[in-house]
Amino acid sequence: MMGILDLELLTNLSNEQCEIILGMAQNLQIIADLSQADIFINCLLEEDSASFVVAEAKPTTIVSLYKNSMLGQIAYEEMEPGVLFSLKTGKPLFGSRGITEERGIMQQDIVPINDQFGDTIAVLIKERDISQVVQNERNIEQLMKATNSEDKQRVFQAIVVQEIHHRVKNNLQVISSLLRLQMQRTHSEEVAEVFHDSISRISSMALVHDYLAQRGIDEADIKLLIQQISTLLVSSSIIPGQHITVSVEGESVCCPSDQATAIALIVNELVQNSIKHAFPSRNYGKIAINLRQRKQMVTITVTDDGCGIGNPFSIGGLSSLGLQLVEMLVEEKLQGVFSFPISEEGTKVSITFPIVSTVVNTK
């Protein structure tokens, strides 16, 4: 999701300088998606002690580091010394680390943007989540300090698990980026929608592996994952002018990674279906996701306040790919049940399944 401010109104830059920045801004979304990072352009304020964000692009291939737009935000020198250094000296900076607003660890790379005379008029900033990299560094440090073979084996296994999930996540995100580039070349809305749906499914799977990679474990908090998936869907699927909110309530539920991947795909289908079809006659709506656990049984309910189509996946009497995918995942991967409880308004879909250490296919 890309945005830019009115440069001529908010800066003292010449028309030629503004055109250079605008030309760079047109490529921000592609840069953000391919680098899987948040991208910003900052300009210097008149007092030379701070800069402000004039353009931004949040990646659609992963969850952004920032919940809200950063356009117009002021970065003071004491908080962003690297940005001010690059703006004032025209020199790039790479590899500086900092803490995001959500207390994650990010790496910041800064490159100056120069005008036709070589003067620095702005900086291009890339911010990437490196929480997993830092965790790996800590694990290696623990491994070096371990005094017995059991401790070393435990730390080594954690590092291996993280690395496997990290590589799977990266491969999925590369596939997603390639599909996105291919989607931009098609002129068919139907084909573009197929690409978009595939990208959404791949991104949901990548989120699971990213979560597991950061923690070095093989168990996931599915409530947290569902929140991340919902944020990603809202940013990538809602068209301009729509005001659709997705809320996630209920208990935190932990389950094995194979179940977490299935749940991520199921929730992706259900939420995306509501966004597409539940609000045809209005540009606003609410989607609520609720998690409930009773001993080993978990129920996830997705409800919207839309037009209330009976079977949300039925098109002309034929089951869509989304319905087939959800039914297959619920039955084969979760060994659960999939139902459409009666709802006074909108559509309500519910899945119930047991949490088990290993899901065995009995069919």
Protein backbone atom coordinates (compact mmCIF):
# COMPACT_ATOMS: atom_id res chain seq x y z
CA MET A 1 0.00 0.00 0.00
CA MET A 2 1.68 3.18 -1.24
CA GLY A 3 1.10 6.87 -0.36
CA ILE A 4 2.71 10.23 -1.09
CA LEU A 5 2.26 13.79 0.13
CA ASP A 6 1.98 16.98 -1.96
CA LEU A 7 5.68 17.89 -2.25
CA GLU A 8 5.18 21.32 -3.82
CA LEU A 9 2.88 22.36 -0.98
CA LEU A 10 4.95 20.98 1.92
CA THR A 11 8.54 21.53 0.78
CA ASN A 12 10.69 24.28 -0.74
CA LEU A 13 11.94 21.96 -3.46
CA SER A 14 11.88 23.10 -7.08
CA ASN A 15 9.52 21.53 -9.62
CA GLU A 16 12.43 19.57 -11.11
CA GLN A 17 13.43 18.23 -7.69
CA CYS A 18 9.84 17.25 -6.89
CA GLU A 19 9.62 15.38 -10.20
CA ILE A 20 12.73 13.36 -9.30
CA ILE A 21 11.19 12.31 -5.97
CA LEU A 22 7.82 11.55 -7.59
CA GLY A 23 9.56 9.38 -10.17
CA MET A 24 11.26 7.44 -7.41
CA ALA A 25 7.99 7.12 -5.47
CA GLN A 26 6.28 5.42 -8.41
CA ASN A 27 8.53 2.38 -7.87
CA LEU A 28 8.19 2.21 -4.07
CA GLN A 29 5.55 -0.54 -4.02
CA ILE A 30 7.58 -2.86 -6.23
CA ILE A 31 10.67 -2.19 -4.10
CA ALA A 32 8.72 -2.90 -0.91
CA ASP A 33 7.28 -6.17 -2.23
CA LEU A 34 10.54 -7.51 -3.66
CA SER A 35 12.67 -6.52 -0.66
CA GLN A 36 9.93 -7.56 1.81
CA ALA A 37 10.49 -4.35 3.75
CA ASP A 38 8.86 -1.00 4.55
CA ILE A 39 10.11 1.72 2.20
CA PHE A 40 10.05 5.46 2.92
CA ILE A 41 11.21 8.71 1.34
CA ASN A 42 12.13 11.47 3.81
CA CYS A 43 12.82 15.14 3.13
CA LEU A 44 14.61 17.62 5.38
CA LEU A 45 12.57 20.16 7.32
CA GLU A 46 13.51 23.82 7.05
CA GLU A 47 15.11 23.93 10.50
CA ASP A 48 17.56 21.14 9.50
CA SER A 49 17.01 19.32 12.82
CA ALA A 50 14.42 16.86 11.61
CA SER A 51 12.99 15.18 8.53
CA PHE A 52 9.51 14.05 7.62
CA VAL A 53 8.05 11.16 5.62
CA VAL A 54 6.80 12.33 2.21
CA ALA A 55 6.20 8.88 0.63
CA GLU A 56 5.83 5.32 1.86
CA ALA A 57 5.08 1.81 0.65
CA LYS A 58 4.15 -1.08 2.91
CA PRO A 59 4.95 -4.57 1.63
CA THR A 60 2.02 -6.71 0.56
CA THR A 61 4.14 -9.88 0.66
CA ILE A 62 4.61 -9.75 4.46
CA VAL A 63 3.14 -7.88 7.42
CA SER A 64 4.37 -4.30 7.69
CA LEU A 65 6.40 -3.17 10.68
CA TYR A 66 3.86 -0.38 11.17
CA LYS A 67 0.12 -0.61 11.86
CA ASN A 68 -0.60 2.98 10.84
CA SER A 69 0.53 5.20 7.99
CA MET A 70 3.77 7.10 8.62
CA LEU A 71 3.09 9.82 6.02
CA GLY A 72 3.83 13.24 7.46
CA GLN A 73 5.51 11.82 10.56
CA ILE A 74 8.48 13.87 11.78
CA ALA A 75 11.78 12.10 12.51
CA TYR A 76 13.92 14.16 14.89
CA GLU A 77 17.69 13.89 14.81
CA GLU A 78 17.97 12.35 18.29
CA MET A 79 15.58 9.56 17.26
CA GLU A 80 16.75 9.09 13.65
CA PRO A 81 20.39 10.24 13.54
CA GLY A 82 21.18 8.12 10.48
CA VAL A 83 18.45 9.74 8.39
CA LEU A 84 19.61 13.25 9.22
CA PHE A 85 23.27 12.28 8.66
CA SER A 86 22.50 10.99 5.17
CA LEU A 87 20.34 14.01 4.30
CA LYS A 88 23.03 16.46 5.39
CA THR A 89 26.12 14.66 4.06
CA GLY A 90 24.74 12.82 1.05
CA LYS A 91 26.34 9.58 2.25
CA PRO A 92 24.49 6.24 2.46
CA LEU A 93 24.19 4.19 5.63
CA PHE A 94 23.65 0.44 5.76
CA GLY A 95 22.94 -2.04 8.54
CA SER A 96 21.96 0.25 11.42
CA ARG A 97 19.60 -1.40 13.90
CA GLY A 98 16.71 0.00 15.89
CA ILE A 99 13.47 -0.81 17.71
CA THR A 100 10.12 -0.50 15.93
CA GLU A 101 6.95 0.92 17.48
CA GLU A 102 5.86 -2.67 18.26
CA ARG A 103 9.15 -3.42 20.02
CA GLY A 104 10.49 -5.54 17.19
CA ILE A 105 14.07 -5.28 15.96
CA MET A 106 14.62 -3.81 12.50
CA GLN A 107 17.53 -3.01 10.22
CA GLN A 108 17.57 0.34 8.47
CA ASP A 109 19.35 1.06 5.17
CA ILE A 110 19.45 4.66 3.91
CA VAL A 111 20.40 5.91 0.43
CA PRO A 112 20.43 9.60 -0.61
CA ILE A 113 18.32 10.82 -3.54
CA ASN A 114 20.17 13.50 -5.52
CA ASP A 115 18.98 16.10 -8.04
CA GLN A 116 20.51 16.79 -11.44
CA PHE A 117 23.29 18.83 -9.80
CA GLY A 118 24.23 16.13 -7.30
CA ASP A 119 22.63 17.85 -4.29
CA THR A 120 20.81 15.59 -1.80
CA ILE A 121 17.08 16.40 -1.80
CA ALA A 122 15.72 13.34 0.03
CA VAL A 123 16.64 9.88 1.27
CA LEU A 124 15.25 6.45 0.47
CA ILE A 125 14.86 4.33 3.61
CA LYS A 126 14.38 0.57 3.83
CA GLU A 127 13.33 -0.93 7.17
CA ARG A 128 13.31 -4.73 7.52
CA ASP A 129 12.39 -6.95 10.45
CA ILE A 130 15.52 -8.78 11.67
CA SER A 131 14.10 -10.22 14.89
CA GLN A 132 14.91 -13.72 13.70
CA VAL A 133 18.48 -12.78 12.75
CA VAL A 134 19.07 -11.37 16.22
CA GLN A 135 17.52 -14.46 17.81
CA ASN A 136 19.84 -16.69 15.78
CA GLU A 137 22.81 -14.64 16.95
CA ARG A 138 21.70 -15.13 20.55
CA ASN A 139 21.22 -18.87 20.00
CA ILE A 140 24.72 -19.20 18.57
CA GLU A 141 26.06 -17.26 21.54
CA GLN A 142 24.27 -19.65 23.90
CA LEU A 143 25.65 -22.59 21.93
CA MET A 144 29.18 -21.29 22.34
CA LYS A 145 28.64 -20.86 26.08
CA ALA A 146 26.97 -24.27 26.63
CA THR A 147 29.06 -26.55 28.83
CA ASN A 148 27.39 -29.91 28.27
CA SER A 149 26.32 -31.86 25.18
CA GLU A 150 22.58 -31.80 26.04
CA ASP A 151 22.48 -27.99 26.17
CA LYS A 152 24.42 -27.77 22.93
CA GLN A 153 22.09 -30.25 21.23
CA ARG A 154 19.00 -28.35 22.42
CA VAL A 155 20.29 -25.00 21.16
CA PHE A 156 21.51 -26.55 17.91
CA GLN A 157 18.07 -28.06 17.24
CA ALA A 158 16.42 -24.69 17.85
CA ILE A 159 18.75 -23.05 15.33
CA VAL A 160 18.04 -25.77 12.74
CA VAL A 161 14.26 -25.40 13.19
CA GLN A 162 14.52 -21.63 12.78
CA GLU A 163 16.66 -21.93 9.67
CA ILE A 164 14.30 -24.42 8.02
CA HIS A 165 11.24 -22.25 8.61
CA HIS A 166 13.16 -19.14 7.55
CA ARG A 167 14.14 -20.71 4.22
CA VAL A 168 10.62 -21.99 3.56
CA LYS A 169 9.24 -18.50 4.33
CA ASN A 170 11.74 -16.86 1.97
CA ASN A 171 10.94 -19.31 -0.82
CA LEU A 172 7.20 -18.72 -0.42
CA GLN A 173 7.70 -14.95 -0.49
CA VAL A 174 9.81 -15.20 -3.66
CA ILE A 175 7.00 -17.19 -5.30
CA SER A 176 4.50 -14.58 -4.11
CA SER A 177 6.60 -11.75 -5.57
CA LEU A 178 6.95 -13.53 -8.90
CA LEU A 179 3.19 -14.09 -9.10
CA ARG A 180 2.58 -10.45 -8.24
CA LEU A 181 4.85 -9.31 -11.07
CA GLN A 182 3.09 -11.69 -13.44
CA MET A 183 -0.31 -10.40 -12.29
CA GLN A 184 0.69 -6.87 -13.26
CA ARG A 185 1.20 -8.04 -16.85
CA THR A 186 -2.28 -9.47 -17.33
CA HIS A 187 -5.19 -7.45 -18.72
CA SER A 188 -7.88 -9.90 -17.66
CA GLU A 189 -9.70 -9.16 -14.40
CA GLU A 190 -10.57 -12.83 -13.99
CA VAL A 191 -6.95 -13.94 -14.36
CA ALA A 192 -5.77 -11.14 -12.05
CA GLU A 193 -8.23 -12.34 -9.39
CA VAL A 194 -6.86 -15.87 -9.64
CA PHE A 195 -3.34 -14.51 -9.18
CA HIS A 196 -4.47 -12.37 -6.22
CA ASP A 197 -6.12 -15.34 -4.49
CA SER A 198 -3.01 -17.50 -4.97
CA ILE A 199 -0.75 -14.75 -3.63
CA SER A 200 -2.98 -14.37 -0.59
CA ARG A 201 -2.83 -18.10 0.18
CA ILE A 202 0.95 -18.22 -0.22
CA SER A 203 1.38 -15.13 1.99
CA SER A 204 -0.73 -16.73 4.74
CA MET A 205 1.47 -19.82 4.68
CA ALA A 206 4.59 -17.65 4.75
CA LEU A 207 3.29 -15.88 7.86
CA VAL A 208 3.16 -19.22 9.71
CA HIS A 209 6.75 -20.08 8.79
CA ASP A 210 7.89 -16.56 9.69
CA TYR A 211 6.28 -16.93 13.14
CA LEU A 212 7.95 -20.33 13.69
CA ALA A 213 11.29 -19.10 12.37
CA GLN A 214 11.36 -16.20 14.81
CA ARG A 215 10.69 -18.45 17.79
CA GLY A 216 12.59 -21.60 16.86
CA ILE A 217 9.66 -23.79 17.91
CA ASP A 218 7.19 -26.07 16.14
CA GLU A 219 4.04 -24.72 17.82
CA ALA A 220 2.11 -21.56 17.01
CA ASP A 221 -0.35 -19.20 18.72
CA ILE A 222 -3.09 -19.25 16.08
CA LYS A 223 -4.86 -16.19 17.49
CA LEU A 224 -1.76 -14.11 16.83
CA LEU A 225 -1.40 -15.63 13.36
CA ILE A 226 -5.05 -14.90 12.53
CA GLN A 227 -4.56 -11.28 13.60
CA GLN A 228 -1.57 -10.99 11.26
CA ILE A 229 -3.43 -12.65 8.39
CA SER A 230 -6.42 -10.32 8.90
CA THR A 231 -4.15 -7.26 8.82
CA LEU A 232 -2.53 -8.51 5.61
CA LEU A 233 -5.90 -9.17 3.95
CA VAL A 234 -7.31 -5.77 4.90
CA SER A 235 -4.26 -4.00 3.43
CA SER A 236 -4.15 -6.06 0.21
CA SER A 237 -7.80 -6.90 -0.59
CA ILE A 238 -9.89 -3.86 0.34
CA ILE A 239 -10.37 -1.46 -2.56
CA PRO A 240 -10.12 2.35 -2.11
CA GLY A 241 -13.24 3.76 -0.48
CA GLN A 242 -14.11 0.57 1.39
CA HIS A 243 -14.19 0.61 5.18
CA ILE A 244 -14.21 -3.02 6.29
CA THR A 245 -12.87 -3.91 9.72
CA VAL A 246 -11.74 -7.33 10.94
CA SER A 247 -11.66 -8.06 14.66
CA VAL A 248 -10.16 -11.13 16.36
CA GLU A 249 -11.49 -12.07 19.79
CA GLY A 250 -11.31 -15.01 22.15
CA GLU A 251 -8.58 -17.14 23.63
CA SER A 252 -4.99 -17.65 22.58
CA VAL A 253 -4.72 -21.20 21.28
CA CYS A 254 -1.44 -23.00 20.57
CA CYS A 255 -1.25 -25.87 18.12
CA PRO A 256 1.35 -27.77 16.05
CA SER A 257 2.77 -26.14 12.93
CA ASP A 258 0.95 -28.41 10.44
CA GLN A 259 -2.41 -27.50 11.99
CA ALA A 260 -1.40 -23.82 12.13
CA THR A 261 -0.70 -23.82 8.37
CA ALA A 262 -4.10 -25.37 7.64
CA ILE A 263 -5.86 -22.86 9.90
CA ALA A 264 -4.03 -19.97 8.23
CA LEU A 265 -5.29 -21.09 4.80
CA ILE A 266 -8.85 -21.65 6.09
CA VAL A 267 -9.10 -18.24 7.74
CA ASN A 268 -7.59 -16.63 4.64
CA GLU A 269 -10.36 -18.15 2.48
CA LEU A 270 -13.19 -17.25 4.86
CA VAL A 271 -12.12 -13.64 5.46
CA GLN A 272 -11.27 -13.01 1.84
CA ASN A 273 -14.65 -14.41 0.80
CA SER A 274 -16.44 -12.00 3.15
CA ILE A 275 -14.41 -9.05 1.86
CA LYS A 276 -15.27 -9.95 -1.75
CA HIS A 277 -18.92 -10.95 -1.52
CA ALA A 278 -20.57 -9.90 1.76
CA PHE A 279 -20.94 -6.18 1.05
CA PRO A 280 -21.98 -5.74 -2.60
CA SER A 281 -24.34 -2.80 -2.00
CA ARG A 282 -22.30 -0.81 0.52
CA ASN A 283 -18.70 0.19 1.13
CA TYR A 284 -18.49 -0.65 4.83
CA GLY A 285 -18.83 -3.72 6.99
CA LYS A 286 -17.53 -5.75 9.92
CA ILE A 287 -15.96 -9.19 10.03
CA ALA A 288 -15.51 -10.87 13.43
CA ILE A 289 -13.34 -13.90 14.17
CA ASN A 290 -13.75 -15.69 17.50
CA LEU A 291 -11.63 -18.47 19.00
CA ARG A 292 -12.86 -20.75 21.77
CA GLN A 293 -11.13 -23.75 23.34
CA ARG A 294 -12.71 -26.40 25.55
CA LYS A 295 -10.03 -28.86 26.66
CA GLN A 296 -8.57 -30.26 23.42
CA MET A 297 -11.43 -29.00 21.19
CA VAL A 298 -11.15 -25.65 19.39
CA THR A 299 -13.90 -23.72 17.58
CA ILE A 300 -13.14 -20.85 15.20
CA THR A 301 -16.12 -18.78 14.03
CA VAL A 302 -16.01 -16.20 11.24
CA THR A 303 -19.03 -13.86 11.09
CA ASP A 304 -19.80 -10.88 8.88
CA ASP A 305 -22.72 -8.40 8.91
CA GLY A 306 -23.13 -8.47 5.16
CA CYS A 307 -25.89 -9.49 2.79
CA GLY A 308 -26.23 -13.01 4.20
CA ILE A 309 -25.69 -15.33 1.27
CA GLY A 310 -26.53 -18.85 2.41
CA ASN A 311 -23.44 -20.74 1.26
CA PRO A 312 -20.79 -18.05 0.91
CA PHE A 313 -18.80 -20.12 -1.59
CA SER A 314 -21.66 -21.24 -3.83
CA ILE A 315 -21.56 -19.75 -7.30
CA GLY A 316 -24.28 -20.88 -9.70
CA GLY A 317 -24.84 -24.02 -7.66
CA LEU A 318 -21.22 -25.13 -8.07
CA SER A 319 -18.76 -25.25 -5.20
CA SER A 320 -15.85 -22.87 -5.69
CA LEU A 321 -12.19 -23.66 -5.19
CA GLY A 322 -12.37 -21.84 -1.86
CA LEU A 323 -15.05 -24.18 -0.52
CA GLN A 324 -13.21 -27.25 -1.75
CA LEU A 325 -9.99 -26.05 -0.13
CA VAL A 326 -11.66 -25.27 3.21
CA GLU A 327 -13.52 -28.58 3.32
CA MET A 328 -10.39 -30.54 2.45
CA LEU A 329 -8.26 -28.79 5.06
CA VAL A 330 -10.87 -29.10 7.82
CA GLU A 331 -11.51 -32.79 7.18
CA GLU A 332 -8.06 -34.08 6.22
CA LYS A 333 -5.63 -31.80 8.03
CA LEU A 334 -7.62 -30.86 11.13
CA GLN A 335 -9.92 -33.90 11.34
CA GLY A 336 -12.66 -31.45 12.21
CA VAL A 337 -16.12 -30.35 11.08
CA PHE A 338 -17.17 -27.39 8.94
CA SER A 339 -20.63 -25.84 9.37
CA PHE A 340 -22.82 -22.81 8.60
CA PRO A 341 -24.74 -22.00 11.81
CA ILE A 342 -27.98 -20.04 11.41
CA SER A 343 -27.29 -16.30 11.67
CA GLU A 344 -29.86 -13.49 12.00
CA GLU A 345 -27.85 -11.32 9.66
CA GLY A 346 -24.83 -11.76 7.47
CA THR A 347 -22.98 -15.04 7.17
CA LYS A 348 -21.55 -17.22 9.92
CA VAL A 349 -19.07 -20.04 9.32
CA SER A 350 -17.70 -22.30 12.03
CA ILE A 351 -14.97 -24.94 12.19
CA THR A 352 -14.39 -27.25 15.17
CA PHE A 353 -11.37 -29.52 15.50
CA PRO A 354 -9.19 -31.25 18.11
CA ILE A 355 -5.65 -30.16 18.92
CA VAL A 356 -3.38 -33.17 18.68
CA SER A 357 0.37 -33.57 18.66
CA THR A 358 0.26 -35.23 15.25
CA VAL A 359 -2.61 -35.07 12.81
CA VAL A 360 -3.09 -38.48 11.24
CA ASN A 361 -5.06 -38.88 8.02
CA THR A 362 -7.37 -41.84 8.57
CA LYS A 363 -8.95 -41.76 5.13
